[in-house]
Protein backbone atom coordinates (compact mmCIF):
# COMPACT_ATOMS: atom_id res chain seq x y z
CA MET A 1 59.55 -27.06 -166.13
CA VAL A 2 57.75 -29.80 -164.06
CA LYS A 3 57.34 -29.15 -160.47
CA GLY A 4 57.57 -32.55 -158.66
CA TYR A 5 57.64 -36.00 -159.90
CA ARG A 6 54.01 -36.52 -159.09
CA ASN A 7 53.45 -33.98 -162.24
CA LEU A 8 55.61 -36.42 -164.55
CA ASP A 9 53.55 -38.07 -167.27
CA VAL A 10 55.54 -40.89 -167.04
CA TRP A 11 55.10 -41.45 -163.12
CA LYS A 12 51.48 -40.71 -163.68
CA LYS A 13 51.34 -43.73 -166.16
CA GLY A 14 53.58 -45.92 -163.73
CA TYR A 15 51.32 -45.08 -160.82
CA LEU A 16 48.10 -46.51 -163.08
CA LEU A 17 50.18 -49.38 -164.09
CA THR A 18 50.84 -50.48 -160.26
CA LYS A 19 47.48 -49.68 -159.21
CA LYS A 20 46.12 -52.21 -162.07
CA VAL A 21 48.57 -54.54 -161.23
CA TYR A 22 47.43 -54.70 -157.74
CA GLU A 23 43.92 -55.06 -158.72
CA ILE A 24 44.58 -58.07 -161.15
CA THR A 25 46.90 -59.94 -158.77
CA GLU A 26 43.98 -60.00 -156.30
CA LYS A 27 42.57 -62.86 -158.41
CA PHE A 28 45.87 -64.80 -158.54
CA PRO A 29 45.94 -68.19 -157.09
CA LYS A 30 46.54 -67.77 -153.29
CA GLU A 31 49.46 -70.02 -153.48
CA GLU A 32 51.37 -67.31 -155.49
CA THR A 33 50.68 -64.52 -152.83
CA TYR A 34 54.37 -64.80 -151.73
CA GLY A 35 55.73 -65.59 -155.40
CA LEU A 36 54.26 -64.31 -158.56
CA VAL A 37 51.99 -61.84 -157.06
CA SER A 38 54.76 -60.43 -154.59
CA GLN A 39 57.34 -60.21 -157.40
CA MET A 40 54.98 -58.35 -159.90
CA ARG A 41 53.76 -55.67 -157.02
CA ARG A 42 57.21 -55.16 -156.14
CA ALA A 43 58.51 -54.74 -159.84
CA SER A 44 55.96 -52.28 -160.38
CA VAL A 45 56.31 -50.32 -157.60
CA SER A 46 59.89 -50.11 -158.06
CA ILE A 47 59.17 -48.57 -161.47
CA ILE A 48 57.45 -45.33 -159.65
CA ALA A 49 59.84 -45.28 -156.67
CA ASN A 50 62.71 -45.07 -158.67
CA VAL A 51 61.42 -42.32 -160.90
CA ALA A 52 60.34 -40.66 -157.38
CA GLU A 53 63.59 -41.17 -156.04
CA GLY A 54 65.77 -40.09 -159.00
CA TYR A 55 64.01 -36.99 -159.28
CA GLY A 56 64.66 -36.08 -155.86
CA ARG A 57 68.49 -36.19 -156.24
CA ASN A 58 70.56 -33.13 -156.75
CA HIS A 59 72.62 -34.72 -159.28
CA LEU A 60 71.54 -35.41 -162.95
CA GLY A 61 73.71 -38.81 -162.82
CA GLU A 62 72.01 -40.07 -159.97
CA TYR A 63 68.72 -39.20 -161.80
CA ILE A 64 69.85 -41.06 -165.04
CA GLN A 65 70.82 -44.06 -162.69
CA PHE A 66 67.30 -44.07 -160.90
CA VAL A 67 65.45 -43.92 -164.28
CA SER A 68 67.73 -46.95 -165.40
CA TYR A 69 66.80 -48.76 -162.33
CA ALA A 70 63.24 -48.22 -163.38
CA ILE A 71 63.49 -49.40 -166.60
CA GLY A 72 65.12 -52.53 -165.22
CA SER A 73 62.01 -53.15 -163.06
CA SER A 74 59.83 -52.45 -166.12
CA ASN A 75 61.62 -55.11 -167.82
CA GLU A 76 61.37 -57.43 -165.08
CA LEU A 77 57.29 -56.62 -164.94
CA GLU A 78 57.31 -57.58 -168.65
CA VAL A 79 58.51 -61.28 -168.12
CA TYR A 80 55.91 -61.61 -164.94
CA LEU A 81 53.00 -60.49 -167.10
CA LEU A 82 53.95 -63.07 -169.66
CA LEU A 83 54.37 -65.67 -167.12
CA SER A 84 51.16 -64.89 -165.89
CA ASN A 85 49.51 -64.79 -168.94
CA ASP A 86 51.08 -68.25 -169.87
CA LEU A 87 50.10 -69.95 -166.64
CA LYS A 88 46.41 -68.83 -167.30
CA TYR A 89 46.81 -66.63 -164.17
CA LEU A 90 46.08 -63.58 -166.36
CA ASP A 91 43.43 -63.55 -169.15
CA ASP A 92 44.15 -62.43 -172.69
CA ASP A 93 42.09 -59.17 -172.18
CA PRO A 94 43.43 -57.60 -168.91
CA TYR A 95 46.77 -58.98 -170.28
CA ALA A 96 46.73 -56.94 -173.17
CA GLU A 97 45.73 -53.78 -171.36
CA LEU A 98 48.22 -54.12 -168.90
CA LEU A 99 50.91 -54.96 -171.83
CA SER A 100 49.85 -51.62 -173.34
CA ILE A 101 50.16 -49.59 -170.43
CA HIS A 102 53.50 -51.08 -169.58
CA LYS A 103 54.90 -50.69 -173.07
CA GLU A 104 53.88 -47.10 -172.82
CA VAL A 105 55.49 -46.49 -169.72
CA SER A 106 58.63 -48.48 -170.93
CA LYS A 107 58.84 -46.03 -174.09
CA MET A 108 58.27 -43.04 -171.63
CA LEU A 109 61.08 -44.23 -169.17
CA ILE A 110 63.45 -44.67 -172.14
CA GLY A 111 62.46 -41.33 -173.38
CA LEU A 112 63.48 -39.76 -169.87
CA ARG A 113 66.75 -41.33 -169.73
CA THR A 114 67.49 -40.17 -173.20
CA SER A 115 66.54 -36.62 -172.35
CA LEU A 116 68.38 -36.58 -169.12
CA GLU A 117 71.53 -37.99 -170.72
CA ASN A 118 71.48 -35.44 -173.63
CA LYS A 119 71.33 -32.94 -170.74
CA LYS A 120 74.15 -34.22 -169.21
CA THR A 121 76.20 -34.27 -172.54
CA VAL A 122 75.45 -30.52 -172.87
CA HIS A 123 76.34 -29.68 -169.52
CA ASN A 124 79.79 -31.37 -169.68
C-alpha cells in the first residue's frame, strides 16, 4: 500500500510536469505573465494539489471527486500547451516534451480514478 500522496507515481510525474511548466513559462513574453503563464501554472499546480487533497480525504467518494478535478485541470493545461505552441511562445521540442509528460500524467489520473471507482463498487 502507498503511504502518503508523495509516493504516488501520478503525483511524482505531475510534480515533474509542474516544475517543467514553471521553467518553460519563464521564457514567455512578459505581457503573458498574468494571462497564459498564470493559467498554465495554476492548472499544473491544481493537478498535483487535487491529487494530494483527495488522498487526504477520509471518504473514497471525495477522493474520486478530487482526482476528477485533477483530470479537469490536466485537460485545461493541454489547451494552454497547444495554444502556447500555436502562438510560438513554446517551441516544438519543449512542447513535445511537455505534451509527452502531460499525456502520461493524464493516463495515470484516469487509471487512478478507474481503480478508485472499482474499489467503491466492490465496497457498496
